PDBML (XML) file of the C-alpha atoms, coordinates in Angstrom:
<?xml version="1.0" encoding="UTF-8" ?>
<PDBx:datablock datablockName="MODEL"
   xmlns:PDBx="http://pdbml.pdb.org/schema/pdbx-v50.xsd"
   xmlns:xsi="http://www.w3.org/2001/XMLSchema-instance"
   xsi:schemaLocation="http://pdbml.pdb.org/schema/pdbx-v50.xsd pdbx-v50.xsd">
   <PDBx:atom_siteCategory>
      <PDBx:atom_site id="1">
         <PDBx:B_iso_or_equiv>0.00</PDBx:B_iso_or_equiv>
         <PDBx:Cartn_x>-0.123</PDBx:Cartn_x>
         <PDBx:Cartn_y>0.014</PDBx:Cartn_y>
         <PDBx:Cartn_z>-0.007</PDBx:Cartn_z>
         <PDBx:auth_asym_id>A</PDBx:auth_asym_id>
         <PDBx:auth_atom_id>CA</PDBx:auth_atom_id>
         <PDBx:auth_comp_id>ALA</PDBx:auth_comp_id>
         <PDBx:auth_seq_id>1</PDBx:auth_seq_id>
         <PDBx:group_PDB>ATOM</PDBx:group_PDB>
         <PDBx:label_alt_id xsi:nil="true" />
         <PDBx:label_asym_id>A</PDBx:label_asym_id>
         <PDBx:label_atom_id>CA</PDBx:label_atom_id>
         <PDBx:label_comp_id>ALA</PDBx:label_comp_id>
         <PDBx:label_entity_id>1</PDBx:label_entity_id>
         <PDBx:label_seq_id>1</PDBx:label_seq_id>
         <PDBx:occupancy>1.00</PDBx:occupancy>
         <PDBx:pdbx_PDB_model_num>1</PDBx:pdbx_PDB_model_num>
         <PDBx:type_symbol>C</PDBx:type_symbol>
      </PDBx:atom_site>
      <PDBx:atom_site id="2">
         <PDBx:B_iso_or_equiv>0.00</PDBx:B_iso_or_equiv>
         <PDBx:Cartn_x>2.899</PDBx:Cartn_x>
         <PDBx:Cartn_y>2.583</PDBx:Cartn_y>
         <PDBx:Cartn_z>0.927</PDBx:Cartn_z>
         <PDBx:auth_asym_id>A</PDBx:auth_asym_id>
         <PDBx:auth_atom_id>CA</PDBx:auth_atom_id>
         <PDBx:auth_comp_id>ASP</PDBx:auth_comp_id>
         <PDBx:auth_seq_id>2</PDBx:auth_seq_id>
         <PDBx:group_PDB>ATOM</PDBx:group_PDB>
         <PDBx:label_alt_id xsi:nil="true" />
         <PDBx:label_asym_id>A</PDBx:label_asym_id>
         <PDBx:label_atom_id>CA</PDBx:label_atom_id>
         <PDBx:label_comp_id>ASP</PDBx:label_comp_id>
         <PDBx:label_entity_id>1</PDBx:label_entity_id>
         <PDBx:label_seq_id>2</PDBx:label_seq_id>
         <PDBx:occupancy>1.00</PDBx:occupancy>
         <PDBx:pdbx_PDB_model_num>1</PDBx:pdbx_PDB_model_num>
         <PDBx:type_symbol>C</PDBx:type_symbol>
      </PDBx:atom_site>
      <PDBx:atom_site id="3">
         <PDBx:B_iso_or_equiv>0.00</PDBx:B_iso_or_equiv>
         <PDBx:Cartn_x>5.476</PDBx:Cartn_x>
         <PDBx:Cartn_y>1.984</PDBx:Cartn_y>
         <PDBx:Cartn_z>-1.839</PDBx:Cartn_z>
         <PDBx:auth_asym_id>A</PDBx:auth_asym_id>
         <PDBx:auth_atom_id>CA</PDBx:auth_atom_id>
         <PDBx:auth_comp_id>ASN</PDBx:auth_comp_id>
         <PDBx:auth_seq_id>3</PDBx:auth_seq_id>
         <PDBx:group_PDB>ATOM</PDBx:group_PDB>
         <PDBx:label_alt_id xsi:nil="true" />
         <PDBx:label_asym_id>A</PDBx:label_asym_id>
         <PDBx:label_atom_id>CA</PDBx:label_atom_id>
         <PDBx:label_comp_id>ASN</PDBx:label_comp_id>
         <PDBx:label_entity_id>1</PDBx:label_entity_id>
         <PDBx:label_seq_id>3</PDBx:label_seq_id>
         <PDBx:occupancy>1.00</PDBx:occupancy>
         <PDBx:pdbx_PDB_model_num>1</PDBx:pdbx_PDB_model_num>
         <PDBx:type_symbol>C</PDBx:type_symbol>
      </PDBx:atom_site>
      <PDBx:atom_site id="4">
         <PDBx:B_iso_or_equiv>0.00</PDBx:B_iso_or_equiv>
         <PDBx:Cartn_x>8.993</PDBx:Cartn_x>
         <PDBx:Cartn_y>3.370</PDBx:Cartn_y>
         <PDBx:Cartn_z>-1.504</PDBx:Cartn_z>
         <PDBx:auth_asym_id>A</PDBx:auth_asym_id>
         <PDBx:auth_atom_id>CA</PDBx:auth_atom_id>
         <PDBx:auth_comp_id>THR</PDBx:auth_comp_id>
         <PDBx:auth_seq_id>4</PDBx:auth_seq_id>
         <PDBx:group_PDB>ATOM</PDBx:group_PDB>
         <PDBx:label_alt_id xsi:nil="true" />
         <PDBx:label_asym_id>A</PDBx:label_asym_id>
         <PDBx:label_atom_id>CA</PDBx:label_atom_id>
         <PDBx:label_comp_id>THR</PDBx:label_comp_id>
         <PDBx:label_entity_id>1</PDBx:label_entity_id>
         <PDBx:label_seq_id>4</PDBx:label_seq_id>
         <PDBx:occupancy>1.00</PDBx:occupancy>
         <PDBx:pdbx_PDB_model_num>1</PDBx:pdbx_PDB_model_num>
         <PDBx:type_symbol>C</PDBx:type_symbol>
      </PDBx:atom_site>
      <PDBx:atom_site id="5">
         <PDBx:B_iso_or_equiv>0.00</PDBx:B_iso_or_equiv>
         <PDBx:Cartn_x>9.150</PDBx:Cartn_x>
         <PDBx:Cartn_y>3.695</PDBx:Cartn_y>
         <PDBx:Cartn_z>-5.402</PDBx:Cartn_z>
         <PDBx:auth_asym_id>A</PDBx:auth_asym_id>
         <PDBx:auth_atom_id>CA</PDBx:auth_atom_id>
         <PDBx:auth_comp_id>PHE</PDBx:auth_comp_id>
         <PDBx:auth_seq_id>5</PDBx:auth_seq_id>
         <PDBx:group_PDB>ATOM</PDBx:group_PDB>
         <PDBx:label_alt_id xsi:nil="true" />
         <PDBx:label_asym_id>A</PDBx:label_asym_id>
         <PDBx:label_atom_id>CA</PDBx:label_atom_id>
         <PDBx:label_comp_id>PHE</PDBx:label_comp_id>
         <PDBx:label_entity_id>1</PDBx:label_entity_id>
         <PDBx:label_seq_id>5</PDBx:label_seq_id>
         <PDBx:occupancy>1.00</PDBx:occupancy>
         <PDBx:pdbx_PDB_model_num>1</PDBx:pdbx_PDB_model_num>
         <PDBx:type_symbol>C</PDBx:type_symbol>
      </PDBx:atom_site>
      <PDBx:atom_site id="6">
         <PDBx:B_iso_or_equiv>0.00</PDBx:B_iso_or_equiv>
         <PDBx:Cartn_x>7.092</PDBx:Cartn_x>
         <PDBx:Cartn_y>5.071</PDBx:Cartn_y>
         <PDBx:Cartn_z>-8.023</PDBx:Cartn_z>
         <PDBx:auth_asym_id>A</PDBx:auth_asym_id>
         <PDBx:auth_atom_id>CA</PDBx:auth_atom_id>
         <PDBx:auth_comp_id>PRO</PDBx:auth_comp_id>
         <PDBx:auth_seq_id>6</PDBx:auth_seq_id>
         <PDBx:group_PDB>ATOM</PDBx:group_PDB>
         <PDBx:label_alt_id xsi:nil="true" />
         <PDBx:label_asym_id>A</PDBx:label_asym_id>
         <PDBx:label_atom_id>CA</PDBx:label_atom_id>
         <PDBx:label_comp_id>PRO</PDBx:label_comp_id>
         <PDBx:label_entity_id>1</PDBx:label_entity_id>
         <PDBx:label_seq_id>6</PDBx:label_seq_id>
         <PDBx:occupancy>1.00</PDBx:occupancy>
         <PDBx:pdbx_PDB_model_num>1</PDBx:pdbx_PDB_model_num>
         <PDBx:type_symbol>C</PDBx:type_symbol>
      </PDBx:atom_site>
      <PDBx:atom_site id="7">
         <PDBx:B_iso_or_equiv>0.00</PDBx:B_iso_or_equiv>
         <PDBx:Cartn_x>4.405</PDBx:Cartn_x>
         <PDBx:Cartn_y>2.728</PDBx:Cartn_y>
         <PDBx:Cartn_z>-9.909</PDBx:Cartn_z>
         <PDBx:auth_asym_id>A</PDBx:auth_asym_id>
         <PDBx:auth_atom_id>CA</PDBx:auth_atom_id>
         <PDBx:auth_comp_id>VAL</PDBx:auth_comp_id>
         <PDBx:auth_seq_id>7</PDBx:auth_seq_id>
         <PDBx:group_PDB>ATOM</PDBx:group_PDB>
         <PDBx:label_alt_id xsi:nil="true" />
         <PDBx:label_asym_id>A</PDBx:label_asym_id>
         <PDBx:label_atom_id>CA</PDBx:label_atom_id>
         <PDBx:label_comp_id>VAL</PDBx:label_comp_id>
         <PDBx:label_entity_id>1</PDBx:label_entity_id>
         <PDBx:label_seq_id>7</PDBx:label_seq_id>
         <PDBx:occupancy>1.00</PDBx:occupancy>
         <PDBx:pdbx_PDB_model_num>1</PDBx:pdbx_PDB_model_num>
         <PDBx:type_symbol>C</PDBx:type_symbol>
      </PDBx:atom_site>
      <PDBx:atom_site id="8">
         <PDBx:B_iso_or_equiv>0.00</PDBx:B_iso_or_equiv>
         <PDBx:Cartn_x>4.973</PDBx:Cartn_x>
         <PDBx:Cartn_y>3.312</PDBx:Cartn_y>
         <PDBx:Cartn_z>-13.519</PDBx:Cartn_z>
         <PDBx:auth_asym_id>A</PDBx:auth_asym_id>
         <PDBx:auth_atom_id>CA</PDBx:auth_atom_id>
         <PDBx:auth_comp_id>HIS</PDBx:auth_comp_id>
         <PDBx:auth_seq_id>8</PDBx:auth_seq_id>
         <PDBx:group_PDB>ATOM</PDBx:group_PDB>
         <PDBx:label_alt_id xsi:nil="true" />
         <PDBx:label_asym_id>A</PDBx:label_asym_id>
         <PDBx:label_atom_id>CA</PDBx:label_atom_id>
         <PDBx:label_comp_id>HIS</PDBx:label_comp_id>
         <PDBx:label_entity_id>1</PDBx:label_entity_id>
         <PDBx:label_seq_id>8</PDBx:label_seq_id>
         <PDBx:occupancy>1.00</PDBx:occupancy>
         <PDBx:pdbx_PDB_model_num>1</PDBx:pdbx_PDB_model_num>
         <PDBx:type_symbol>C</PDBx:type_symbol>
      </PDBx:atom_site>
      <PDBx:atom_site id="9">
         <PDBx:B_iso_or_equiv>0.00</PDBx:B_iso_or_equiv>
         <PDBx:Cartn_x>2.294</PDBx:Cartn_x>
         <PDBx:Cartn_y>2.708</PDBx:Cartn_y>
         <PDBx:Cartn_z>-16.216</PDBx:Cartn_z>
         <PDBx:auth_asym_id>A</PDBx:auth_asym_id>
         <PDBx:auth_atom_id>CA</PDBx:auth_atom_id>
         <PDBx:auth_comp_id>ASN</PDBx:auth_comp_id>
         <PDBx:auth_seq_id>9</PDBx:auth_seq_id>
         <PDBx:group_PDB>ATOM</PDBx:group_PDB>
         <PDBx:label_alt_id xsi:nil="true" />
         <PDBx:label_asym_id>A</PDBx:label_asym_id>
         <PDBx:label_atom_id>CA</PDBx:label_atom_id>
         <PDBx:label_comp_id>ASN</PDBx:label_comp_id>
         <PDBx:label_entity_id>1</PDBx:label_entity_id>
         <PDBx:label_seq_id>9</PDBx:label_seq_id>
         <PDBx:occupancy>1.00</PDBx:occupancy>
         <PDBx:pdbx_PDB_model_num>1</PDBx:pdbx_PDB_model_num>
         <PDBx:type_symbol>C</PDBx:type_symbol>
      </PDBx:atom_site>
      <PDBx:atom_site id="10">
         <PDBx:B_iso_or_equiv>0.00</PDBx:B_iso_or_equiv>
         <PDBx:Cartn_x>2.307</PDBx:Cartn_x>
         <PDBx:Cartn_y>-0.289</PDBx:Cartn_y>
         <PDBx:Cartn_z>-18.607</PDBx:Cartn_z>
         <PDBx:auth_asym_id>A</PDBx:auth_asym_id>
         <PDBx:auth_atom_id>CA</PDBx:auth_atom_id>
         <PDBx:auth_comp_id>ALA</PDBx:auth_comp_id>
         <PDBx:auth_seq_id>10</PDBx:auth_seq_id>
         <PDBx:group_PDB>ATOM</PDBx:group_PDB>
         <PDBx:label_alt_id xsi:nil="true" />
         <PDBx:label_asym_id>A</PDBx:label_asym_id>
         <PDBx:label_atom_id>CA</PDBx:label_atom_id>
         <PDBx:label_comp_id>ALA</PDBx:label_comp_id>
         <PDBx:label_entity_id>1</PDBx:label_entity_id>
         <PDBx:label_seq_id>10</PDBx:label_seq_id>
         <PDBx:occupancy>1.00</PDBx:occupancy>
         <PDBx:pdbx_PDB_model_num>1</PDBx:pdbx_PDB_model_num>
         <PDBx:type_symbol>C</PDBx:type_symbol>
      </PDBx:atom_site>
      <PDBx:atom_site id="11">
         <PDBx:B_iso_or_equiv>0.00</PDBx:B_iso_or_equiv>
         <PDBx:Cartn_x>3.738</PDBx:Cartn_x>
         <PDBx:Cartn_y>1.500</PDBx:Cartn_y>
         <PDBx:Cartn_z>-21.509</PDBx:Cartn_z>
         <PDBx:auth_asym_id>A</PDBx:auth_asym_id>
         <PDBx:auth_atom_id>CA</PDBx:auth_atom_id>
         <PDBx:auth_comp_id>GLU</PDBx:auth_comp_id>
         <PDBx:auth_seq_id>11</PDBx:auth_seq_id>
         <PDBx:group_PDB>ATOM</PDBx:group_PDB>
         <PDBx:label_alt_id xsi:nil="true" />
         <PDBx:label_asym_id>A</PDBx:label_asym_id>
         <PDBx:label_atom_id>CA</PDBx:label_atom_id>
         <PDBx:label_comp_id>GLU</PDBx:label_comp_id>
         <PDBx:label_entity_id>1</PDBx:label_entity_id>
         <PDBx:label_seq_id>11</PDBx:label_seq_id>
         <PDBx:occupancy>1.00</PDBx:occupancy>
         <PDBx:pdbx_PDB_model_num>1</PDBx:pdbx_PDB_model_num>
         <PDBx:type_symbol>C</PDBx:type_symbol>
      </PDBx:atom_site>
      <PDBx:atom_site id="12">
         <PDBx:B_iso_or_equiv>0.00</PDBx:B_iso_or_equiv>
         <PDBx:Cartn_x>6.921</PDBx:Cartn_x>
         <PDBx:Cartn_y>2.559</PDBx:Cartn_y>
         <PDBx:Cartn_z>-19.626</PDBx:Cartn_z>
         <PDBx:auth_asym_id>A</PDBx:auth_asym_id>
         <PDBx:auth_atom_id>CA</PDBx:auth_atom_id>
         <PDBx:auth_comp_id>THR</PDBx:auth_comp_id>
         <PDBx:auth_seq_id>12</PDBx:auth_seq_id>
         <PDBx:group_PDB>ATOM</PDBx:group_PDB>
         <PDBx:label_alt_id xsi:nil="true" />
         <PDBx:label_asym_id>A</PDBx:label_asym_id>
         <PDBx:label_atom_id>CA</PDBx:label_atom_id>
         <PDBx:label_comp_id>THR</PDBx:label_comp_id>
         <PDBx:label_entity_id>1</PDBx:label_entity_id>
         <PDBx:label_seq_id>12</PDBx:label_seq_id>
         <PDBx:occupancy>1.00</PDBx:occupancy>
         <PDBx:pdbx_PDB_model_num>1</PDBx:pdbx_PDB_model_num>
         <PDBx:type_symbol>C</PDBx:type_symbol>
      </PDBx:atom_site>
      <PDBx:atom_site id="13">
         <PDBx:B_iso_or_equiv>0.00</PDBx:B_iso_or_equiv>
         <PDBx:Cartn_x>7.374</PDBx:Cartn_x>
         <PDBx:Cartn_y>-0.896</PDBx:Cartn_y>
         <PDBx:Cartn_z>-18.269</PDBx:Cartn_z>
         <PDBx:auth_asym_id>A</PDBx:auth_asym_id>
         <PDBx:auth_atom_id>CA</PDBx:auth_atom_id>
         <PDBx:auth_comp_id>LEU</PDBx:auth_comp_id>
         <PDBx:auth_seq_id>13</PDBx:auth_seq_id>
         <PDBx:group_PDB>ATOM</PDBx:group_PDB>
         <PDBx:label_alt_id xsi:nil="true" />
         <PDBx:label_asym_id>A</PDBx:label_asym_id>
         <PDBx:label_atom_id>CA</PDBx:label_atom_id>
         <PDBx:label_comp_id>LEU</PDBx:label_comp_id>
         <PDBx:label_entity_id>1</PDBx:label_entity_id>
         <PDBx:label_seq_id>13</PDBx:label_seq_id>
         <PDBx:occupancy>1.00</PDBx:occupancy>
         <PDBx:pdbx_PDB_model_num>1</PDBx:pdbx_PDB_model_num>
         <PDBx:type_symbol>C</PDBx:type_symbol>
      </PDBx:atom_site>
      <PDBx:atom_site id="14">
         <PDBx:B_iso_or_equiv>0.00</PDBx:B_iso_or_equiv>
         <PDBx:Cartn_x>6.957</PDBx:Cartn_x>
         <PDBx:Cartn_y>-2.682</PDBx:Cartn_y>
         <PDBx:Cartn_z>-21.433</PDBx:Cartn_z>
         <PDBx:auth_asym_id>A</PDBx:auth_asym_id>
         <PDBx:auth_atom_id>CA</PDBx:auth_atom_id>
         <PDBx:auth_comp_id>VAL</PDBx:auth_comp_id>
         <PDBx:auth_seq_id>14</PDBx:auth_seq_id>
         <PDBx:group_PDB>ATOM</PDBx:group_PDB>
         <PDBx:label_alt_id xsi:nil="true" />
         <PDBx:label_asym_id>A</PDBx:label_asym_id>
         <PDBx:label_atom_id>CA</PDBx:label_atom_id>
         <PDBx:label_comp_id>VAL</PDBx:label_comp_id>
         <PDBx:label_entity_id>1</PDBx:label_entity_id>
         <PDBx:label_seq_id>14</PDBx:label_seq_id>
         <PDBx:occupancy>1.00</PDBx:occupancy>
         <PDBx:pdbx_PDB_model_num>1</PDBx:pdbx_PDB_model_num>
         <PDBx:type_symbol>C</PDBx:type_symbol>
      </PDBx:atom_site>
      <PDBx:atom_site id="15">
         <PDBx:B_iso_or_equiv>0.00</PDBx:B_iso_or_equiv>
         <PDBx:Cartn_x>9.644</PDBx:Cartn_x>
         <PDBx:Cartn_y>-0.072</PDBx:Cartn_y>
         <PDBx:Cartn_z>-23.018</PDBx:Cartn_z>
         <PDBx:auth_asym_id>A</PDBx:auth_asym_id>
         <PDBx:auth_atom_id>CA</PDBx:auth_atom_id>
         <PDBx:auth_comp_id>ASN</PDBx:auth_comp_id>
         <PDBx:auth_seq_id>15</PDBx:auth_seq_id>
         <PDBx:group_PDB>ATOM</PDBx:group_PDB>
         <PDBx:label_alt_id xsi:nil="true" />
         <PDBx:label_asym_id>A</PDBx:label_asym_id>
         <PDBx:label_atom_id>CA</PDBx:label_atom_id>
         <PDBx:label_comp_id>ASN</PDBx:label_comp_id>
         <PDBx:label_entity_id>1</PDBx:label_entity_id>
         <PDBx:label_seq_id>15</PDBx:label_seq_id>
         <PDBx:occupancy>1.00</PDBx:occupancy>
         <PDBx:pdbx_PDB_model_num>1</PDBx:pdbx_PDB_model_num>
         <PDBx:type_symbol>C</PDBx:type_symbol>
      </PDBx:atom_site>
      <PDBx:atom_site id="16">
         <PDBx:B_iso_or_equiv>0.00</PDBx:B_iso_or_equiv>
         <PDBx:Cartn_x>12.083</PDBx:Cartn_x>
         <PDBx:Cartn_y>-0.488</PDBx:Cartn_y>
         <PDBx:Cartn_z>-20.288</PDBx:Cartn_z>
         <PDBx:auth_asym_id>A</PDBx:auth_asym_id>
         <PDBx:auth_atom_id>CA</PDBx:auth_atom_id>
         <PDBx:auth_comp_id>PHE</PDBx:auth_comp_id>
         <PDBx:auth_seq_id>16</PDBx:auth_seq_id>
         <PDBx:group_PDB>ATOM</PDBx:group_PDB>
         <PDBx:label_alt_id xsi:nil="true" />
         <PDBx:label_asym_id>A</PDBx:label_asym_id>
         <PDBx:label_atom_id>CA</PDBx:label_atom_id>
         <PDBx:label_comp_id>PHE</PDBx:label_comp_id>
         <PDBx:label_entity_id>1</PDBx:label_entity_id>
         <PDBx:label_seq_id>16</PDBx:label_seq_id>
         <PDBx:occupancy>1.00</PDBx:occupancy>
         <PDBx:pdbx_PDB_model_num>1</PDBx:pdbx_PDB_model_num>
         <PDBx:type_symbol>C</PDBx:type_symbol>
      </PDBx:atom_site>
      <PDBx:atom_site id="17">
         <PDBx:B_iso_or_equiv>0.00</PDBx:B_iso_or_equiv>
         <PDBx:Cartn_x>11.966</PDBx:Cartn_x>
         <PDBx:Cartn_y>-4.422</PDBx:Cartn_y>
         <PDBx:Cartn_z>-20.194</PDBx:Cartn_z>
         <PDBx:auth_asym_id>A</PDBx:auth_asym_id>
         <PDBx:auth_atom_id>CA</PDBx:auth_atom_id>
         <PDBx:auth_comp_id>TYR</PDBx:auth_comp_id>
         <PDBx:auth_seq_id>17</PDBx:auth_seq_id>
         <PDBx:group_PDB>ATOM</PDBx:group_PDB>
         <PDBx:label_alt_id xsi:nil="true" />
         <PDBx:label_asym_id>A</PDBx:label_asym_id>
         <PDBx:label_atom_id>CA</PDBx:label_atom_id>
         <PDBx:label_comp_id>TYR</PDBx:label_comp_id>
         <PDBx:label_entity_id>1</PDBx:label_entity_id>
         <PDBx:label_seq_id>17</PDBx:label_seq_id>
         <PDBx:occupancy>1.00</PDBx:occupancy>
         <PDBx:pdbx_PDB_model_num>1</PDBx:pdbx_PDB_model_num>
         <PDBx:type_symbol>C</PDBx:type_symbol>
      </PDBx:atom_site>
      <PDBx:atom_site id="18">
         <PDBx:B_iso_or_equiv>0.00</PDBx:B_iso_or_equiv>
         <PDBx:Cartn_x>11.964</PDBx:Cartn_x>
         <PDBx:Cartn_y>-4.568</PDBx:Cartn_y>
         <PDBx:Cartn_z>-24.163</PDBx:Cartn_z>
         <PDBx:auth_asym_id>A</PDBx:auth_asym_id>
         <PDBx:auth_atom_id>CA</PDBx:auth_atom_id>
         <PDBx:auth_comp_id>ARG</PDBx:auth_comp_id>
         <PDBx:auth_seq_id>18</PDBx:auth_seq_id>
         <PDBx:group_PDB>ATOM</PDBx:group_PDB>
         <PDBx:label_alt_id xsi:nil="true" />
         <PDBx:label_asym_id>A</PDBx:label_asym_id>
         <PDBx:label_atom_id>CA</PDBx:label_atom_id>
         <PDBx:label_comp_id>ARG</PDBx:label_comp_id>
         <PDBx:label_entity_id>1</PDBx:label_entity_id>
         <PDBx:label_seq_id>18</PDBx:label_seq_id>
         <PDBx:occupancy>1.00</PDBx:occupancy>
         <PDBx:pdbx_PDB_model_num>1</PDBx:pdbx_PDB_model_num>
         <PDBx:type_symbol>C</PDBx:type_symbol>
      </PDBx:atom_site>
      <PDBx:atom_site id="19">
         <PDBx:B_iso_or_equiv>0.00</PDBx:B_iso_or_equiv>
         <PDBx:Cartn_x>15.074</PDBx:Cartn_x>
         <PDBx:Cartn_y>-2.539</PDBx:Cartn_y>
         <PDBx:Cartn_z>-24.037</PDBx:Cartn_z>
         <PDBx:auth_asym_id>A</PDBx:auth_asym_id>
         <PDBx:auth_atom_id>CA</PDBx:auth_atom_id>
         <PDBx:auth_comp_id>ASN</PDBx:auth_comp_id>
         <PDBx:auth_seq_id>19</PDBx:auth_seq_id>
         <PDBx:group_PDB>ATOM</PDBx:group_PDB>
         <PDBx:label_alt_id xsi:nil="true" />
         <PDBx:label_asym_id>A</PDBx:label_asym_id>
         <PDBx:label_atom_id>CA</PDBx:label_atom_id>
         <PDBx:label_comp_id>ASN</PDBx:label_comp_id>
         <PDBx:label_entity_id>1</PDBx:label_entity_id>
         <PDBx:label_seq_id>19</PDBx:label_seq_id>
         <PDBx:occupancy>1.00</PDBx:occupancy>
         <PDBx:pdbx_PDB_model_num>1</PDBx:pdbx_PDB_model_num>
         <PDBx:type_symbol>C</PDBx:type_symbol>
      </PDBx:atom_site>
      <PDBx:atom_site id="20">
         <PDBx:B_iso_or_equiv>0.00</PDBx:B_iso_or_equiv>
         <PDBx:Cartn_x>17.021</PDBx:Cartn_x>
         <PDBx:Cartn_y>-3.662</PDBx:Cartn_y>
         <PDBx:Cartn_z>-21.007</PDBx:Cartn_z>
         <PDBx:auth_asym_id>A</PDBx:auth_asym_id>
         <PDBx:auth_atom_id>CA</PDBx:auth_atom_id>
         <PDBx:auth_comp_id>ASP</PDBx:auth_comp_id>
         <PDBx:auth_seq_id>20</PDBx:auth_seq_id>
         <PDBx:group_PDB>ATOM</PDBx:group_PDB>
         <PDBx:label_alt_id xsi:nil="true" />
         <PDBx:label_asym_id>A</PDBx:label_asym_id>
         <PDBx:label_atom_id>CA</PDBx:label_atom_id>
         <PDBx:label_comp_id>ASP</PDBx:label_comp_id>
         <PDBx:label_entity_id>1</PDBx:label_entity_id>
         <PDBx:label_seq_id>20</PDBx:label_seq_id>
         <PDBx:occupancy>1.00</PDBx:occupancy>
         <PDBx:pdbx_PDB_model_num>1</PDBx:pdbx_PDB_model_num>
         <PDBx:type_symbol>C</PDBx:type_symbol>
      </PDBx:atom_site>
      <PDBx:atom_site id="21">
         <PDBx:B_iso_or_equiv>0.00</PDBx:B_iso_or_equiv>
         <PDBx:Cartn_x>15.938</PDBx:Cartn_x>
         <PDBx:Cartn_y>-7.047</PDBx:Cartn_y>
         <PDBx:Cartn_z>-19.924</PDBx:Cartn_z>
         <PDBx:auth_asym_id>A</PDBx:auth_asym_id>
         <PDBx:auth_atom_id>CA</PDBx:auth_atom_id>
         <PDBx:auth_comp_id>VAL</PDBx:auth_comp_id>
         <PDBx:auth_seq_id>21</PDBx:auth_seq_id>
         <PDBx:group_PDB>ATOM</PDBx:group_PDB>
         <PDBx:label_alt_id xsi:nil="true" />
         <PDBx:label_asym_id>A</PDBx:label_asym_id>
         <PDBx:label_atom_id>CA</PDBx:label_atom_id>
         <PDBx:label_comp_id>VAL</PDBx:label_comp_id>
         <PDBx:label_entity_id>1</PDBx:label_entity_id>
         <PDBx:label_seq_id>21</PDBx:label_seq_id>
         <PDBx:occupancy>1.00</PDBx:occupancy>
         <PDBx:pdbx_PDB_model_num>1</PDBx:pdbx_PDB_model_num>
         <PDBx:type_symbol>C</PDBx:type_symbol>
      </PDBx:atom_site>
      <PDBx:atom_site id="22">
         <PDBx:B_iso_or_equiv>0.00</PDBx:B_iso_or_equiv>
         <PDBx:Cartn_x>14.560</PDBx:Cartn_x>
         <PDBx:Cartn_y>-8.892</PDBx:Cartn_y>
         <PDBx:Cartn_z>-22.833</PDBx:Cartn_z>
         <PDBx:auth_asym_id>A</PDBx:auth_asym_id>
         <PDBx:auth_atom_id>CA</PDBx:auth_atom_id>
         <PDBx:auth_comp_id>LEU</PDBx:auth_comp_id>
         <PDBx:auth_seq_id>22</PDBx:auth_seq_id>
         <PDBx:group_PDB>ATOM</PDBx:group_PDB>
         <PDBx:label_alt_id xsi:nil="true" />
         <PDBx:label_asym_id>A</PDBx:label_asym_id>
         <PDBx:label_atom_id>CA</PDBx:label_atom_id>
         <PDBx:label_comp_id>LEU</PDBx:label_comp_id>
         <PDBx:label_entity_id>1</PDBx:label_entity_id>
         <PDBx:label_seq_id>22</PDBx:label_seq_id>
         <PDBx:occupancy>1.00</PDBx:occupancy>
         <PDBx:pdbx_PDB_model_num>1</PDBx:pdbx_PDB_model_num>
         <PDBx:type_symbol>C</PDBx:type_symbol>
      </PDBx:atom_site>
      <PDBx:atom_site id="23">
         <PDBx:B_iso_or_equiv>0.00</PDBx:B_iso_or_equiv>
         <PDBx:Cartn_x>16.358</PDBx:Cartn_x>
         <PDBx:Cartn_y>-9.988</PDBx:Cartn_y>
         <PDBx:Cartn_z>-26.114</PDBx:Cartn_z>
         <PDBx:auth_asym_id>A</PDBx:auth_asym_id>
         <PDBx:auth_atom_id>CA</PDBx:auth_atom_id>
         <PDBx:auth_comp_id>THR</PDBx:auth_comp_id>
         <PDBx:auth_seq_id>23</PDBx:auth_seq_id>
         <PDBx:group_PDB>ATOM</PDBx:group_PDB>
         <PDBx:label_alt_id xsi:nil="true" />
         <PDBx:label_asym_id>A</PDBx:label_asym_id>
         <PDBx:label_atom_id>CA</PDBx:label_atom_id>
         <PDBx:label_comp_id>THR</PDBx:label_comp_id>
         <PDBx:label_entity_id>1</PDBx:label_entity_id>
         <PDBx:label_seq_id>23</PDBx:label_seq_id>
         <PDBx:occupancy>1.00</PDBx:occupancy>
         <PDBx:pdbx_PDB_model_num>1</PDBx:pdbx_PDB_model_num>
         <PDBx:type_symbol>C</PDBx:type_symbol>
      </PDBx:atom_site>
      <PDBx:atom_site id="24">
         <PDBx:B_iso_or_equiv>0.00</PDBx:B_iso_or_equiv>
         <PDBx:Cartn_x>15.692</PDBx:Cartn_x>
         <PDBx:Cartn_y>-11.219</PDBx:Cartn_y>
         <PDBx:Cartn_z>-29.505</PDBx:Cartn_z>
         <PDBx:auth_asym_id>A</PDBx:auth_asym_id>
         <PDBx:auth_atom_id>CA</PDBx:auth_atom_id>
         <PDBx:auth_comp_id>GLY</PDBx:auth_comp_id>
         <PDBx:auth_seq_id>24</PDBx:auth_seq_id>
         <PDBx:group_PDB>ATOM</PDBx:group_PDB>
         <PDBx:label_alt_id xsi:nil="true" />
         <PDBx:label_asym_id>A</PDBx:label_asym_id>
         <PDBx:label_atom_id>CA</PDBx:label_atom_id>
         <PDBx:label_comp_id>GLY</PDBx:label_comp_id>
         <PDBx:label_entity_id>1</PDBx:label_entity_id>
         <PDBx:label_seq_id>24</PDBx:label_seq_id>
         <PDBx:occupancy>1.00</PDBx:occupancy>
         <PDBx:pdbx_PDB_model_num>1</PDBx:pdbx_PDB_model_num>
         <PDBx:type_symbol>C</PDBx:type_symbol>
      </PDBx:atom_site>
   </PDBx:atom_siteCategory>
</PDBx:datablock>
């Protein structure tokens, strides 16, 4: 309920994980 980090939207998360985590 009380996060110490910002909760991003789905587009931001998809762009981040496509660029920095996933490959191919």
